[in-house]
Amino acid sequence: MAFDTSDYDEIRSMKRDDCYYFTYPIEYIIDRIGDENSDEYVIGNTTIDVQFDWYDGDDSQAPGYRLSYKVNNYNQIPVGFNGSESDLLDQIYSDIQGDLRASGIEVGAVESWF
């Protein structure tokens, strides 16, 4: 998200805690049952750990919360069916936004998403 430096004070006013941590359960496809036209799949479960850390900003970057995340056991998830780690994170984007709002954080206070 690009901001003019005149927006920095407003963004800094959105800061609450220094760090927020959330864990989300997700399902992923392990394998397809039957032929390539089948809609039946073997489903696996894992979690995504999401963290937002506050960054005060400087002359070249806006202040705000920065996102980091980890898809647990990602090396065991078939990419062909499920995509990249960021594709899996996209699945829970609205859940993350809801948890931030519930924590009193405006989405505009997030300096980087993906």
Foldseek 3Di string as FASTA:
>chain_A
DDDDVVCQVVLVVLDDDQKDKDKDKDKAFQAFPDDPPGPHTDIDIWMKIKMWGWDSDDPVFGTATEIDMDTPPVVNGDCVRQNDPVSRVVVCVVVVCVVCVVVSGHPVRYRDDD
